[in-house]
Amino acid sequence: MSSERDTDSDWNQLGESDPFWAVITDERFRAGRMDATTREAFYQSGVTDIDQFHTALKRHFSAPDHFEACLDFGAGVGRLLVPMAQRSHQAVGVDIADSMRAICQTRLDELGPSHVKLVATPKEAAAFGPFDWVNSFIVLQHIPPARGIVLIEDLLAMVSPGGFLSLQVTTHREAHLMPQDTAGPARKLLRQVRKSLFPRPEIGQITMYDYDVSQVLALLTRAGFPRFVLEHTDHGGHHGYMIYAQKVSG
């Protein structure tokens, strides 16, 4: 019996119930508290993040001011996708959650860009590639590494020769955030049996996963990214790295 959560279902439920808070877990962005001012503050935070990522790619790899095509994996409600689209001729946002993509499309309709596509999977996105900038931030940390590693491989394959990558993964957490389950084997078995016999619907949960950074960097090396720059990230005691890299040309 697998204990791995269905994180795709989690995020679709979160997109229906509390979409902005699910992206940034700040109480200002709770569904019941959001107003026009906090909504714009939410989206402005995406502009700030993309400015930071773009500046890092310029500083370390001489990235251009404007891109031909870019991709945001885990686009959610469009927080990062919109400012990325403003720097490119074509933009694609990938998000598995129908509910999140619906909100993102509403945002795009409000702003009017016609060069943005929304799709559910990297496989669908590949039809619009390759991309000279692929980004993913605070997304893979919510996907079990066994799946996430495959997704990273897919994303790396879609970066065009000479193209750029900004990719964030979590790698470790502070002691108080470590999973704690002191139940013995008998209690764990009883819990599994009870769950099977009396299943209860679960609301979407935000689950955090840690990646082996050496495994991720090995993927980059094999995919043609010989040099990368890592910047430490810390989200409430969940530590990781923002990885900036450029794919070799030819």
C-alpha atoms as a PDB file:
ATOM      1  CA  MET A   1       0.000   0.000   0.000  1.00  0.00           C
ATOM      2  CA  SER A   2       1.523   3.300  -1.027  1.00  0.00           C
ATOM      3  CA  SER A   3       1.521   6.138   1.488  1.00  0.00           C
ATOM      4  CA  GLU A   4       2.378   8.764  -1.100  1.00  0.00           C
ATOM      5  CA  ARG A   5      -0.196  11.513  -1.324  1.00  0.00           C
ATOM      6  CA  ASP A   6      -1.992  12.427  -4.525  1.00  0.00           C
ATOM      7  CA  THR A   7      -0.491  15.904  -4.677  1.00  0.00           C
ATOM      8  CA  ASP A   8      -2.163  16.635  -8.009  1.00  0.00           C
ATOM      9  CA  SER A   9      -5.542  16.236  -6.332  1.00  0.00           C
ATOM     10  CA  ASP A  10      -4.361  18.319  -3.377  1.00  0.00           C
ATOM     11  CA  TRP A  11      -3.503  21.264  -5.598  1.00  0.00           C
ATOM     12  CA  ASN A  12      -6.697  21.096  -7.577  1.00  0.00           C
ATOM     13  CA  GLN A  13      -8.650  21.219  -4.307  1.00  0.00           C
ATOM     14  CA  LEU A  14      -6.517  24.062  -2.991  1.00  0.00           C
ATOM     15  CA  GLY A  15      -7.101  25.945  -6.231  1.00  0.00           C
ATOM     16  CA  GLU A  16     -10.826  25.675  -5.608  1.00  0.00           C
ATOM     17  CA  SER A  17     -10.790  26.557  -1.912  1.00  0.00           C
ATOM     18  CA  ASP A  18      -7.834  28.877  -1.174  1.00  0.00           C
ATOM     19  CA  PRO A  19      -5.786  29.447  -4.341  1.00  0.00           C
ATOM     20  CA  PHE A  20      -3.737  32.534  -3.487  1.00  0.00           C
ATOM     21  CA  TRP A  21      -2.859  31.386   0.042  1.00  0.00           C
ATOM     22  CA  ALA A  22      -1.836  27.997  -1.369  1.00  0.00           C
ATOM     23  CA  VAL A  23       0.795  29.745  -3.497  1.00  0.00           C
ATOM     24  CA  ILE A  24       2.075  32.040  -0.746  1.00  0.00           C
ATOM     25  CA  THR A  25       1.059  30.931   2.740  1.00  0.00           C
ATOM     26  CA  ASP A  26       0.549  34.430   4.088  1.00  0.00           C
ATOM     27  CA  GLU A  27      -2.682  34.999   6.001  1.00  0.00           C
ATOM     28  CA  ARG A  28      -3.281  38.186   3.975  1.00  0.00           C
ATOM     29  CA  PHE A  29      -3.986  35.974   0.986  1.00  0.00           C
ATOM     30  CA  ARG A  30      -6.624  33.762   2.564  1.00  0.00           C
ATOM     31  CA  ALA A  31      -9.756  33.424   0.436  1.00  0.00           C
ATOM     32  CA  GLY A  32     -11.914  35.137   3.012  1.00  0.00           C
ATOM     33  CA  ARG A  33      -9.565  38.108   3.390  1.00  0.00           C
ATOM     34  CA  MET A  34      -8.553  38.875  -0.185  1.00  0.00           C
ATOM     35  CA  ASP A  35      -9.603  42.195  -1.648  1.00  0.00           C
ATOM     36  CA  ALA A  36      -8.428  44.184  -4.665  1.00  0.00           C
ATOM     37  CA  THR A  37      -5.471  45.645  -2.753  1.00  0.00           C
ATOM     38  CA  THR A  38      -4.131  42.361  -1.415  1.00  0.00           C
ATOM     39  CA  ARG A  39      -4.706  40.702  -4.785  1.00  0.00           C
ATOM     40  CA  GLU A  40      -2.496  43.275  -6.484  1.00  0.00           C
ATOM     41  CA  ALA A  41       0.090  42.899  -3.699  1.00  0.00           C
ATOM     42  CA  PHE A  42       0.097  39.167  -4.374  1.00  0.00           C
ATOM     43  CA  TYR A  43       0.729  39.633  -8.082  1.00  0.00           C
ATOM     44  CA  GLN A  44       3.300  42.364  -7.469  1.00  0.00           C
ATOM     45  CA  SER A  45       5.317  39.894  -5.408  1.00  0.00           C
ATOM     46  CA  GLY A  46       5.660  37.834  -8.578  1.00  0.00           C
ATOM     47  CA  VAL A  47       7.079  40.824 -10.442  1.00  0.00           C
ATOM     48  CA  THR A  48       9.647  41.236  -7.664  1.00  0.00           C
ATOM     49  CA  ASP A  49      10.646  37.560  -7.807  1.00  0.00           C
ATOM     50  CA  ILE A  50      10.992  37.500 -11.590  1.00  0.00           C
ATOM     51  CA  ASP A  51      13.056  40.682 -11.457  1.00  0.00           C
ATOM     52  CA  GLN A  52      15.370  38.908  -9.020  1.00  0.00           C
ATOM     53  CA  PHE A  53      15.661  35.735 -11.099  1.00  0.00           C
ATOM     54  CA  HIS A  54      16.187  37.622 -14.345  1.00  0.00           C
ATOM     55  CA  THR A  55      18.824  39.849 -12.749  1.00  0.00           C
ATOM     56  CA  ALA A  56      20.695  36.773 -11.484  1.00  0.00           C
ATOM     57  CA  LEU A  57      20.660  35.186 -14.950  1.00  0.00           C
ATOM     58  CA  LYS A  58      21.983  38.424 -16.426  1.00  0.00           C
ATOM     59  CA  ARG A  59      24.704  38.761 -13.797  1.00  0.00           C
ATOM     60  CA  HIS A  60      25.950  35.174 -13.906  1.00  0.00           C
ATOM     61  CA  PHE A  61      25.243  34.157 -17.499  1.00  0.00           C
ATOM     62  CA  SER A  62      24.695  37.372 -19.497  1.00  0.00           C
ATOM     63  CA  ALA A  63      21.049  36.546 -20.207  1.00  0.00           C
ATOM     64  CA  PRO A  64      19.267  38.931 -22.596  1.00  0.00           C
ATOM     65  CA  ASP A  65      16.679  41.540 -21.656  1.00  0.00           C
ATOM     66  CA  HIS A  66      14.041  39.775 -23.740  1.00  0.00           C
ATOM     67  CA  PHE A  67      13.416  36.133 -24.578  1.00  0.00           C
ATOM     68  CA  GLU A  68      11.910  34.445 -27.591  1.00  0.00           C
ATOM     69  CA  ALA A  69      10.001  31.859 -25.525  1.00  0.00           C
ATOM     70  CA  CYS A  70       9.745  31.112 -21.823  1.00  0.00           C
ATOM     71  CA  LEU A  71       8.078  28.497 -19.652  1.00  0.00           C
ATOM     72  CA  ASP A  72       6.923  28.630 -16.044  1.00  0.00           C
ATOM     73  CA  PHE A  73       6.408  25.207 -14.475  1.00  0.00           C
ATOM     74  CA  GLY A  74       3.809  25.280 -11.712  1.00  0.00           C
ATOM     75  CA  ALA A  75       2.321  28.515 -12.995  1.00  0.00           C
ATOM     76  CA  GLY A  76      -0.586  28.398 -10.565  1.00  0.00           C
ATOM     77  CA  VAL A  77      -2.649  31.583 -10.740  1.00  0.00           C
ATOM     78  CA  GLY A  78      -0.078  33.370 -12.914  1.00  0.00           C
ATOM     79  CA  ARG A  79       1.987  35.144 -10.258  1.00  0.00           C
ATOM     80  CA  LEU A  80       5.293  34.534 -12.082  1.00  0.00           C
ATOM     81  CA  LEU A  81       3.982  33.706 -15.538  1.00  0.00           C
ATOM     82  CA  VAL A  82       2.628  37.193 -16.238  1.00  0.00           C
ATOM     83  CA  PRO A  83       5.918  39.055 -15.598  1.00  0.00           C
ATOM     84  CA  MET A  84       7.789  36.368 -17.523  1.00  0.00           C
ATOM     85  CA  ALA A  85       5.425  36.856 -20.447  1.00  0.00           C
ATOM     86  CA  GLN A  86       6.183  40.570 -20.395  1.00  0.00           C
ATOM     87  CA  ARG A  87       9.804  39.678 -21.191  1.00  0.00           C
ATOM     88  CA  SER A  88       9.151  37.250 -24.021  1.00  0.00           C
ATOM     89  CA  HIS A  89       7.471  36.874 -27.403  1.00  0.00           C
ATOM     90  CA  GLN A  90       5.792  33.642 -26.303  1.00  0.00           C
ATOM     91  CA  ALA A  91       5.095  32.238 -22.830  1.00  0.00           C
ATOM     92  CA  VAL A  92       3.734  28.926 -21.609  1.00  0.00           C
ATOM     93  CA  GLY A  93       2.454  28.176 -18.132  1.00  0.00           C
ATOM     94  CA  VAL A  94       2.241  24.586 -16.907  1.00  0.00           C
ATOM     95  CA  ASP A  95      -0.010  23.613 -14.012  1.00  0.00           C
ATOM     96  CA  ILE A  96      -1.696  20.311 -13.305  1.00  0.00           C
ATOM     97  CA  ALA A  97      -4.618  21.910 -11.440  1.00  0.00           C
ATOM     98  CA  ASP A  98      -7.577  22.869 -13.621  1.00  0.00           C
ATOM     99  CA  SER A  99      -8.764  25.232 -10.886  1.00  0.00           C
ATOM    100  CA  MET A 100      -5.458  27.106 -10.813  1.00  0.00           C
ATOM    101  CA  ARG A 101      -5.296  27.418 -14.594  1.00  0.00           C
ATOM    102  CA  ALA A 102      -8.818  28.831 -14.644  1.00  0.00           C
ATOM    103  CA  ILE A 103      -7.801  31.641 -12.268  1.00  0.00           C
ATOM    104  CA  CYS A 104      -4.643  32.240 -14.262  1.00  0.00           C
ATOM    105  CA  GLN A 105      -6.663  32.529 -17.468  1.00  0.00           C
ATOM    106  CA  THR A 106      -8.916  35.091 -15.804  1.00  0.00           C
ATOM    107  CA  ARG A 107      -5.840  37.134 -14.906  1.00  0.00           C
ATOM    108  CA  LEU A 108      -4.547  36.895 -18.469  1.00  0.00           C
ATOM    109  CA  ASP A 109      -7.926  37.949 -19.828  1.00  0.00           C
ATOM    110  CA  GLU A 110      -7.856  40.993 -17.547  1.00  0.00           C
ATOM    111  CA  LEU A 111      -4.407  42.041 -18.739  1.00  0.00           C
ATOM    112  CA  GLY A 112      -4.917  41.173 -22.381  1.00  0.00           C
ATOM    113  CA  PRO A 113      -1.734  39.318 -23.487  1.00  0.00           C
ATOM    114  CA  SER A 114      -2.464  37.006 -26.397  1.00  0.00           C
ATOM    115  CA  HIS A 115       0.911  35.256 -26.551  1.00  0.00           C
ATOM    116  CA  VAL A 116       0.462  33.083 -23.428  1.00  0.00           C
ATOM    117  CA  LYS A 117      -0.608  29.439 -23.448  1.00  0.00           C
ATOM    118  CA  LEU A 118      -1.726  27.384 -20.443  1.00  0.00           C
ATOM    119  CA  VAL A 119      -1.292  23.610 -20.380  1.00  0.00           C
ATOM    120  CA  ALA A 120      -1.539  20.844 -17.794  1.00  0.00           C
ATOM    121  CA  THR A 121       1.707  18.923 -18.331  1.00  0.00           C
ATOM    122  CA  PRO A 122       5.289  19.374 -19.555  1.00  0.00           C
ATOM    123  CA  LYS A 123       4.481  16.991 -22.402  1.00  0.00           C
ATOM    124  CA  GLU A 124       1.848  19.428 -23.666  1.00  0.00           C
ATOM    125  CA  ALA A 125       4.231  22.344 -23.174  1.00  0.00           C
ATOM    126  CA  ALA A 126       6.929  20.670 -25.267  1.00  0.00           C
ATOM    127  CA  ALA A 127       4.819  21.255 -28.368  1.00  0.00           C
ATOM    128  CA  PHE A 128       5.502  25.000 -27.970  1.00  0.00           C
ATOM    129  CA  GLY A 129       9.230  24.668 -27.220  1.00  0.00           C
ATOM    130  CA  PRO A 130      12.106  24.706 -26.992  1.00  0.00           C
ATOM    131  CA  PHE A 131      12.337  27.604 -24.550  1.00  0.00           C
ATOM    132  CA  ASP A 132      15.187  29.967 -23.912  1.00  0.00           C
ATOM    133  CA  TRP A 133      14.114  30.469 -20.296  1.00  0.00           C
ATOM    134  CA  VAL A 134      12.557  27.766 -18.114  1.00  0.00           C
ATOM    135  CA  ASN A 135      11.594  28.665 -14.562  1.00  0.00           C
ATOM    136  CA  SER A 136      10.123  26.846 -11.565  1.00  0.00           C
ATOM    137  CA  PHE A 137       9.898  28.344  -8.085  1.00  0.00           C
ATOM    138  CA  ILE A 138       8.278  26.962  -4.894  1.00  0.00           C
ATOM    139  CA  VAL A 139       6.706  24.156  -6.921  1.00  0.00           C
ATOM    140  CA  LEU A 140       8.887  21.045  -6.943  1.00  0.00           C
ATOM    141  CA  GLN A 141       9.054  21.208  -3.158  1.00  0.00           C
ATOM    142  CA  HIS A 142       5.411  20.081  -3.151  1.00  0.00           C
ATOM    143  CA  ILE A 143       6.016  17.094  -5.460  1.00  0.00           C
ATOM    144  CA  PRO A 144       7.457  13.771  -4.238  1.00  0.00           C
ATOM    145  CA  PRO A 145      11.080  13.536  -5.464  1.00  0.00           C
ATOM    146  CA  ALA A 146      10.503  10.276  -7.343  1.00  0.00           C
ATOM    147  CA  ARG A 147       8.125  12.199  -9.611  1.00  0.00           C
ATOM    148  CA  GLY A 148       9.943  15.490  -9.354  1.00  0.00           C
ATOM    149  CA  ILE A 149      13.205  14.131 -10.719  1.00  0.00           C
ATOM    150  CA  VAL A 150      11.420  12.943 -13.848  1.00  0.00           C
ATOM    151  CA  LEU A 151       9.779  16.356 -14.208  1.00  0.00           C
ATOM    152  CA  ILE A 152      13.147  18.096 -13.849  1.00  0.00           C
ATOM    153  CA  GLU A 153      14.526  15.928 -16.642  1.00  0.00           C
ATOM    154  CA  ASP A 154      11.572  16.938 -18.822  1.00  0.00           C
ATOM    155  CA  LEU A 155      12.146  20.626 -18.078  1.00  0.00           C
ATOM    156  CA  LEU A 156      15.873  20.448 -18.805  1.00  0.00           C
ATOM    157  CA  ALA A 157      15.163  18.800 -22.143  1.00  0.00           C
ATOM    158  CA  MET A 158      12.952  21.741 -23.142  1.00  0.00           C
ATOM    159  CA  VAL A 159      15.646  24.383 -22.622  1.00  0.00           C
ATOM    160  CA  SER A 160      17.036  25.436 -25.984  1.00  0.00           C
ATOM    161  CA  PRO A 161      20.801  25.351 -26.608  1.00  0.00           C
ATOM    162  CA  GLY A 162      22.165  28.516 -25.052  1.00  0.00           C
ATOM    163  CA  GLY A 163      18.965  28.910 -23.023  1.00  0.00           C
ATOM    164  CA  PHE A 164      18.611  29.622 -19.315  1.00  0.00           C
ATOM    165  CA  LEU A 165      17.226  27.904 -16.249  1.00  0.00           C
ATOM    166  CA  SER A 166      16.029  29.131 -12.851  1.00  0.00           C
ATOM    167  CA  LEU A 167      14.919  26.197 -10.726  1.00  0.00           C
ATOM    168  CA  GLN A 168      14.242  25.939  -6.990  1.00  0.00           C
ATOM    169  CA  VAL A 169      14.285  22.789  -4.857  1.00  0.00           C
ATOM    170  CA  THR A 170      14.149  22.218  -1.123  1.00  0.00           C
ATOM    171  CA  THR A 171      16.913  20.044   0.330  1.00  0.00           C
ATOM    172  CA  HIS A 172      16.586  20.020   4.129  1.00  0.00           C
ATOM    173  CA  ARG A 173      14.558  21.428   6.993  1.00  0.00           C
ATOM    174  CA  GLU A 174      15.025  22.525  10.564  1.00  0.00           C
ATOM    175  CA  ALA A 175      14.552  19.963  13.308  1.00  0.00           C
ATOM    176  CA  HIS A 176      11.120  21.140  14.429  1.00  0.00           C
ATOM    177  CA  LEU A 177       9.796  20.556  10.887  1.00  0.00           C
ATOM    178  CA  MET A 178      10.940  16.954  10.670  1.00  0.00           C
ATOM    179  CA  PRO A 179       8.091  14.419  10.295  1.00  0.00           C
ATOM    180  CA  GLN A 180       7.228  12.969  13.671  1.00  0.00           C
ATOM    181  CA  ASP A 181       5.211   9.788  13.920  1.00  0.00           C
ATOM    182  CA  THR A 182       5.907   7.894  17.108  1.00  0.00           C
ATOM    183  CA  ALA A 183       3.177   5.313  16.517  1.00  0.00           C
ATOM    184  CA  GLY A 184       4.396   1.723  16.684  1.00  0.00           C
ATOM    185  CA  PRO A 185       3.929  -0.848  13.885  1.00  0.00           C
ATOM    186  CA  ALA A 186       0.624  -2.167  15.294  1.00  0.00           C
ATOM    187  CA  ARG A 187      -0.892   1.314  15.546  1.00  0.00           C
ATOM    188  CA  LYS A 188       0.283   2.194  12.035  1.00  0.00           C
ATOM    189  CA  LEU A 189      -1.302  -1.003  10.659  1.00  0.00           C
ATOM    190  CA  LEU A 190      -4.540  -0.254  12.491  1.00  0.00           C
ATOM    191  CA  ARG A 191      -4.553   3.263  11.032  1.00  0.00           C
ATOM    192  CA  GLN A 192      -4.109   1.894   7.489  1.00  0.00           C
ATOM    193  CA  VAL A 193      -6.908  -0.656   7.955  1.00  0.00           C
ATOM    194  CA  ARG A 194      -9.255   1.979   9.379  1.00  0.00           C
ATOM    195  CA  LYS A 195      -8.458   4.309   6.487  1.00  0.00           C
ATOM    196  CA  SER A 196      -9.209   1.530   3.965  1.00  0.00           C
ATOM    197  CA  LEU A 197     -12.478   0.500   5.610  1.00  0.00           C
ATOM    198  CA  PHE A 198     -13.734   3.969   6.464  1.00  0.00           C
ATOM    199  CA  PRO A 199     -12.252   6.365   3.925  1.00  0.00           C
ATOM    200  CA  ARG A 200     -12.855  10.040   4.607  1.00  0.00           C
ATOM    201  CA  PRO A 201     -12.621  12.756   1.994  1.00  0.00           C
ATOM    202  CA  GLU A 202      -9.548  14.901   2.583  1.00  0.00           C
ATOM    203  CA  ILE A 203      -9.186  18.535   1.733  1.00  0.00           C
ATOM    204  CA  GLY A 204      -6.100  19.532  -0.188  1.00  0.00           C
ATOM    205  CA  GLN A 205      -2.918  19.572   1.857  1.00  0.00           C
ATOM    206  CA  ILE A 206       0.359  21.400   1.283  1.00  0.00           C
ATOM    207  CA  THR A 207       3.058  18.771   1.623  1.00  0.00           C
ATOM    208  CA  MET A 208       6.790  19.548   1.608  1.00  0.00           C
ATOM    209  CA  TYR A 209       9.471  17.264   0.165  1.00  0.00           C
ATOM    210  CA  ASP A 210      13.259  17.448   0.254  1.00  0.00           C
ATOM    211  CA  TYR A 211      15.461  16.657  -2.742  1.00  0.00           C
ATOM    212  CA  ASP A 212      19.012  15.339  -2.976  1.00  0.00           C
ATOM    213  CA  VAL A 213      20.795  18.366  -4.439  1.00  0.00           C
ATOM    214  CA  SER A 214      23.665  16.233  -5.753  1.00  0.00           C
ATOM    215  CA  GLN A 215      21.164  14.186  -7.768  1.00  0.00           C
ATOM    216  CA  VAL A 216      19.608  17.340  -9.194  1.00  0.00           C
ATOM    217  CA  LEU A 217      22.990  18.814 -10.147  1.00  0.00           C
ATOM    218  CA  ALA A 218      23.982  15.525 -11.783  1.00  0.00           C
ATOM    219  CA  LEU A 219      20.872  15.791 -13.959  1.00  0.00           C
ATOM    220  CA  LEU A 220      21.908  19.292 -15.000  1.00  0.00           C
ATOM    221  CA  THR A 221      25.414  18.179 -15.896  1.00  0.00           C
ATOM    222  CA  ARG A 222      24.165  15.299 -18.033  1.00  0.00           C
ATOM    223  CA  ALA A 223      21.617  17.564 -19.737  1.00  0.00           C
ATOM    224  CA  GLY A 224      24.266  20.029 -20.922  1.00  0.00           C
ATOM    225  CA  PHE A 225      24.450  22.558 -18.082  1.00  0.00           C
ATOM    226  CA  PRO A 226      28.157  22.488 -17.161  1.00  0.00           C
ATOM    227  CA  ARG A 227      28.060  25.497 -14.850  1.00  0.00           C
ATOM    228  CA  PHE A 228      25.467  26.570 -12.329  1.00  0.00           C
ATOM    229  CA  VAL A 229      25.065  29.044  -9.512  1.00  0.00           C
ATOM    230  CA  LEU A 230      23.196  28.199  -6.305  1.00  0.00           C
ATOM    231  CA  GLU A 231      21.507  30.691  -3.998  1.00  0.00           C
ATOM    232  CA  HIS A 232      20.201  29.566  -0.621  1.00  0.00           C
ATOM    233  CA  THR A 233      16.447  29.774   0.003  1.00  0.00           C
ATOM    234  CA  ASP A 234      14.671  29.559   3.353  1.00  0.00           C
ATOM    235  CA  HIS A 235      10.900  29.389   3.558  1.00  0.00           C
ATOM    236  CA  GLY A 236       9.967  29.174   7.214  1.00  0.00           C
ATOM    237  CA  GLY A 237      12.743  26.719   8.039  1.00  0.00           C
ATOM    238  CA  HIS A 238      12.467  24.710   4.825  1.00  0.00           C
ATOM    239  CA  HIS A 239      15.871  25.240   3.219  1.00  0.00           C
ATOM    240  CA  GLY A 240      16.905  24.740  -0.372  1.00  0.00           C
ATOM    241  CA  TYR A 241      18.505  26.370  -3.364  1.00  0.00           C
ATOM    242  CA  MET A 242      17.611  28.450  -6.365  1.00  0.00           C
ATOM    243  CA  ILE A 243      19.684  27.021  -9.196  1.00  0.00           C
ATOM    244  CA  TYR A 244      20.658  29.270 -12.084  1.00  0.00           C
ATOM    245  CA  ALA A 245      22.245  27.709 -15.161  1.00  0.00           C
ATOM    246  CA  GLN A 246      22.759  28.019 -18.898  1.00  0.00           C
ATOM    247  CA  LYS A 247      22.649  25.178 -21.407  1.00  0.00           C
ATOM    248  CA  VAL A 248      25.621  24.790 -23.707  1.00  0.00           C
ATOM    249  CA  SER A 249      25.138  25.852 -27.323  1.00  0.00           C
ATOM    250  CA  GLY A 250      25.363  23.189 -29.992  1.00  0.00           C
END
